[in-house]
Amino acid sequence: MRQGILDATFLYPTGGYEAIEIALAILRGEEVPKHIVLGTRLFTRANVDEGGLPIN
């Protein structure tokens, strides 16, 4: 990004951590959300130093 080779890229979390946490909550008998939004981020040259732009 900083070198200008790419105009933009995205970070798509795998959701592994969230899956384990939800599975443990189900095993404990807790209610869990039906939809879980992972923290996808858009990185451009303008925002890469700030950690990208969150996309929800």
C-alpha atoms as a PDB file:
ATOM      1  CA  MET A   1       0.000   0.000   0.000  1.00  0.00           C
ATOM      2  CA  ARG A   2       2.645   2.506   0.990  1.00  0.00           C
ATOM      3  CA  GLN A   3       4.659   1.804  -2.170  1.00  0.00           C
ATOM      4  CA  GLY A   4       1.624   2.372  -4.398  1.00  0.00           C
ATOM      5  CA  ILE A   5       1.660  -1.131  -5.888  1.00  0.00           C
ATOM      6  CA  LEU A   6      -1.990  -1.628  -4.844  1.00  0.00           C
ATOM      7  CA  ASP A   7      -4.726   1.001  -4.808  1.00  0.00           C
ATOM      8  CA  ALA A   8      -6.690  -0.769  -2.058  1.00  0.00           C
ATOM      9  CA  THR A   9      -6.958  -4.042  -0.187  1.00  0.00           C
ATOM     10  CA  PHE A  10      -9.262  -5.567   2.418  1.00  0.00           C
ATOM     11  CA  LEU A  11      -8.748  -7.445   5.660  1.00  0.00           C
ATOM     12  CA  TYR A  12     -11.281 -10.240   6.093  1.00  0.00           C
ATOM     13  CA  PRO A  13     -10.982 -11.889   9.513  1.00  0.00           C
ATOM     14  CA  THR A  14     -11.419 -15.667   9.494  1.00  0.00           C
ATOM     15  CA  GLY A  15     -13.854 -15.691  12.410  1.00  0.00           C
ATOM     16  CA  GLY A  16     -12.135 -18.605  14.141  1.00  0.00           C
ATOM     17  CA  TYR A  17     -11.952 -16.873  17.513  1.00  0.00           C
ATOM     18  CA  GLU A  18     -15.580 -15.783  17.326  1.00  0.00           C
ATOM     19  CA  ALA A  19     -16.678 -19.305  16.317  1.00  0.00           C
ATOM     20  CA  ILE A  20     -15.014 -20.837  19.368  1.00  0.00           C
ATOM     21  CA  GLU A  21     -16.459 -18.212  21.697  1.00  0.00           C
ATOM     22  CA  ILE A  22     -19.971 -18.765  20.304  1.00  0.00           C
ATOM     23  CA  ALA A  23     -19.591 -22.563  20.535  1.00  0.00           C
ATOM     24  CA  LEU A  24     -18.560 -22.281  24.187  1.00  0.00           C
ATOM     25  CA  ALA A  25     -21.505 -19.988  24.906  1.00  0.00           C
ATOM     26  CA  ILE A  26     -23.882 -22.518  23.298  1.00  0.00           C
ATOM     27  CA  LEU A  27     -22.394 -25.306  25.424  1.00  0.00           C
ATOM     28  CA  ARG A  28     -22.973 -23.165  28.531  1.00  0.00           C
ATOM     29  CA  GLY A  29     -26.608 -22.788  27.491  1.00  0.00           C
ATOM     30  CA  GLU A  30     -26.348 -19.075  26.813  1.00  0.00           C
ATOM     31  CA  GLU A  31     -28.283 -17.259  24.121  1.00  0.00           C
ATOM     32  CA  VAL A  32     -26.139 -16.262  21.173  1.00  0.00           C
ATOM     33  CA  PRO A  33     -26.723 -13.737  18.400  1.00  0.00           C
ATOM     34  CA  LYS A  34     -28.056 -15.060  15.101  1.00  0.00           C
ATOM     35  CA  HIS A  35     -25.766 -12.773  13.115  1.00  0.00           C
ATOM     36  CA  ILE A  36     -22.161 -11.944  13.867  1.00  0.00           C
ATOM     37  CA  VAL A  37     -20.384  -9.168  11.975  1.00  0.00           C
ATOM     38  CA  LEU A  38     -16.633  -9.557  11.680  1.00  0.00           C
ATOM     39  CA  GLY A  39     -14.346  -6.536  11.596  1.00  0.00           C
ATOM     40  CA  THR A  40     -13.644  -6.135   7.882  1.00  0.00           C
ATOM     41  CA  ARG A  41     -11.355  -3.210   7.053  1.00  0.00           C
ATOM     42  CA  LEU A  42     -10.513  -1.334   3.844  1.00  0.00           C
ATOM     43  CA  PHE A  43      -6.914  -0.190   3.457  1.00  0.00           C
ATOM     44  CA  THR A  44      -5.822   2.516   1.036  1.00  0.00           C
ATOM     45  CA  ARG A  45      -2.637   4.526   0.791  1.00  0.00           C
ATOM     46  CA  ALA A  46      -4.440   7.380   2.565  1.00  0.00           C
ATOM     47  CA  ASN A  47      -5.515   5.327   5.613  1.00  0.00           C
ATOM     48  CA  VAL A  48      -3.034   2.459   5.958  1.00  0.00           C
ATOM     49  CA  ASP A  49      -1.077   4.223   8.727  1.00  0.00           C
ATOM     50  CA  GLU A  50      -4.284   4.693  10.746  1.00  0.00           C
ATOM     51  CA  GLY A  51      -5.214   1.012  10.521  1.00  0.00           C
ATOM     52  CA  GLY A  52      -7.633   1.166   7.630  1.00  0.00           C
ATOM     53  CA  LEU A  53     -11.313   2.032   7.466  1.00  0.00           C
ATOM     54  CA  PRO A  54     -13.782  -0.258   9.279  1.00  0.00           C
ATOM     55  CA  ILE A  55     -16.544  -1.641   7.053  1.00  0.00           C
ATOM     56  CA  ASN A  56     -19.599  -2.945   8.845  1.00  0.00           C
END
